[in-house]
């Protein structure tokens, strides 16, 4: 499998790399920042929903196909 070695710097066995790979593990600083940002996620999503509703109303008479929000789902319009 090609994907598995790429996740660990393309290491196919210990200390053996046949191509350049990457390591996308989150570091402590990213984790700390995202932990703070996560507290605001619901509020940010609600604000995006409000803006999307505004645009949907303003664009309703245009020849556009806008994304639909299903009743059982909550689109975040990101």
C-alpha atoms as a PDB file:
ATOM      1  CA  UNK A   1       0.000   0.000   0.000  1.00  0.00           C
ATOM      2  CA  UNK A   2       1.396   3.380  -0.973  1.00  0.00           C
ATOM      3  CA  UNK A   3      -0.517   5.537   1.527  1.00  0.00           C
ATOM      4  CA  UNK A   4       0.718   3.833   4.699  1.00  0.00           C
ATOM      5  CA  UNK A   5       4.435   4.656   4.283  1.00  0.00           C
ATOM      6  CA  UNK A   6       3.673   8.261   3.334  1.00  0.00           C
ATOM      7  CA  UNK A   7       2.064   8.976   6.691  1.00  0.00           C
ATOM      8  CA  UNK A   8       5.371   8.323   8.483  1.00  0.00           C
ATOM      9  CA  UNK A   9       7.901  10.240   6.398  1.00  0.00           C
ATOM     10  CA  UNK A  10       7.622   7.563   3.660  1.00  0.00           C
ATOM     11  CA  UNK A  11       9.406   5.108   5.918  1.00  0.00           C
ATOM     12  CA  UNK A  12       8.934   1.595   4.543  1.00  0.00           C
ATOM     13  CA  UNK A  13      10.887   0.003   7.385  1.00  0.00           C
ATOM     14  CA  UNK A  14      12.885   1.355  10.293  1.00  0.00           C
ATOM     15  CA  UNK A  15      15.283   4.051   9.016  1.00  0.00           C
ATOM     16  CA  UNK A  16      14.540   3.167   5.388  1.00  0.00           C
ATOM     17  CA  UNK A  17      12.937   5.826   3.200  1.00  0.00           C
ATOM     18  CA  UNK A  18      12.454   5.368  -0.526  1.00  0.00           C
ATOM     19  CA  UNK A  19      10.872   8.775  -1.130  1.00  0.00           C
ATOM     20  CA  UNK A  20      10.165  12.012   0.679  1.00  0.00           C
ATOM     21  CA  UNK A  21       7.195  11.714   3.008  1.00  0.00           C
ATOM     22  CA  UNK A  22       5.511  13.925   5.563  1.00  0.00           C
ATOM     23  CA  UNK A  23       4.465  13.886   9.179  1.00  0.00           C
ATOM     24  CA  UNK A  24       1.266  15.818   9.820  1.00  0.00           C
ATOM     25  CA  UNK A  25       0.932  15.240  13.535  1.00  0.00           C
ATOM     26  CA  UNK A  26      -0.385  18.235  15.418  1.00  0.00           C
ATOM     27  CA  UNK A  27       2.153  19.950  17.643  1.00  0.00           C
ATOM     28  CA  UNK A  28       1.461  21.433  21.081  1.00  0.00           C
ATOM     29  CA  UNK A  29       1.086  25.015  19.857  1.00  0.00           C
ATOM     30  CA  UNK A  30      -1.476  24.056  17.207  1.00  0.00           C
ATOM     31  CA  UNK A  31      -3.363  22.012  19.783  1.00  0.00           C
ATOM     32  CA  UNK A  32      -3.436  24.910  22.265  1.00  0.00           C
ATOM     33  CA  UNK A  33      -4.697  27.351  19.645  1.00  0.00           C
ATOM     34  CA  UNK A  34      -7.345  24.959  18.343  1.00  0.00           C
ATOM     35  CA  UNK A  35      -8.496  24.185  21.879  1.00  0.00           C
ATOM     36  CA  UNK A  36      -9.312  27.868  22.376  1.00  0.00           C
ATOM     37  CA  UNK A  37     -10.858  28.234  18.921  1.00  0.00           C
ATOM     38  CA  UNK A  38     -13.041  25.153  19.408  1.00  0.00           C
ATOM     39  CA  UNK A  39     -14.946  26.960  22.188  1.00  0.00           C
ATOM     40  CA  UNK A  40     -16.159  29.478  19.591  1.00  0.00           C
ATOM     41  CA  UNK A  41     -17.068  27.021  16.849  1.00  0.00           C
ATOM     42  CA  UNK A  42     -20.831  26.894  17.501  1.00  0.00           C
ATOM     43  CA  UNK A  43     -21.019  30.690  17.607  1.00  0.00           C
ATOM     44  CA  UNK A  44     -19.021  31.044  14.366  1.00  0.00           C
ATOM     45  CA  UNK A  45     -21.158  28.421  12.634  1.00  0.00           C
ATOM     46  CA  UNK A  46     -24.351  30.212  13.742  1.00  0.00           C
ATOM     47  CA  UNK A  47     -23.032  33.503  12.341  1.00  0.00           C
ATOM     48  CA  UNK A  48     -22.251  31.813   9.008  1.00  0.00           C
ATOM     49  CA  UNK A  49     -25.767  30.359   8.948  1.00  0.00           C
ATOM     50  CA  UNK A  50     -27.241  33.839   9.493  1.00  0.00           C
ATOM     51  CA  UNK A  51     -25.170  35.269   6.645  1.00  0.00           C
ATOM     52  CA  UNK A  52     -26.131  32.359   4.385  1.00  0.00           C
ATOM     53  CA  UNK A  53     -29.825  32.988   5.102  1.00  0.00           C
ATOM     54  CA  UNK A  54     -29.372  36.645   4.141  1.00  0.00           C
ATOM     55  CA  UNK A  55     -27.689  35.717   0.862  1.00  0.00           C
ATOM     56  CA  UNK A  56     -30.306  33.063   0.093  1.00  0.00           C
ATOM     57  CA  UNK A  57     -33.082  35.659   0.469  1.00  0.00           C
ATOM     58  CA  UNK A  58     -31.272  38.239  -1.651  1.00  0.00           C
ATOM     59  CA  UNK A  59     -30.416  35.747  -4.383  1.00  0.00           C
ATOM     60  CA  UNK A  60     -33.739  33.888  -4.426  1.00  0.00           C
ATOM     61  CA  UNK A  61     -34.910  35.490  -7.691  1.00  0.00           C
ATOM     62  CA  UNK A  62     -31.631  34.872  -9.517  1.00  0.00           C
ATOM     63  CA  UNK A  63     -30.861  32.011 -11.878  1.00  0.00           C
ATOM     64  CA  UNK A  64     -28.547  30.361  -9.395  1.00  0.00           C
ATOM     65  CA  UNK A  65     -28.583  26.925  -7.869  1.00  0.00           C
ATOM     66  CA  UNK A  66     -27.661  27.406  -4.246  1.00  0.00           C
ATOM     67  CA  UNK A  67     -26.768  24.601  -1.845  1.00  0.00           C
ATOM     68  CA  UNK A  68     -29.683  23.219   0.113  1.00  0.00           C
ATOM     69  CA  UNK A  69     -29.764  22.653   3.830  1.00  0.00           C
ATOM     70  CA  UNK A  70     -31.641  19.463   4.577  1.00  0.00           C
ATOM     71  CA  UNK A  71     -34.088  19.556   7.517  1.00  0.00           C
ATOM     72  CA  UNK A  72     -32.179  16.904   9.482  1.00  0.00           C
ATOM     73  CA  UNK A  73     -28.785  18.530   8.834  1.00  0.00           C
ATOM     74  CA  UNK A  74     -27.146  21.805   9.775  1.00  0.00           C
ATOM     75  CA  UNK A  75     -24.932  23.259   7.078  1.00  0.00           C
ATOM     76  CA  UNK A  76     -22.084  25.456   8.345  1.00  0.00           C
ATOM     77  CA  UNK A  77     -21.612  27.277   5.029  1.00  0.00           C
ATOM     78  CA  UNK A  78     -17.851  27.291   5.426  1.00  0.00           C
END
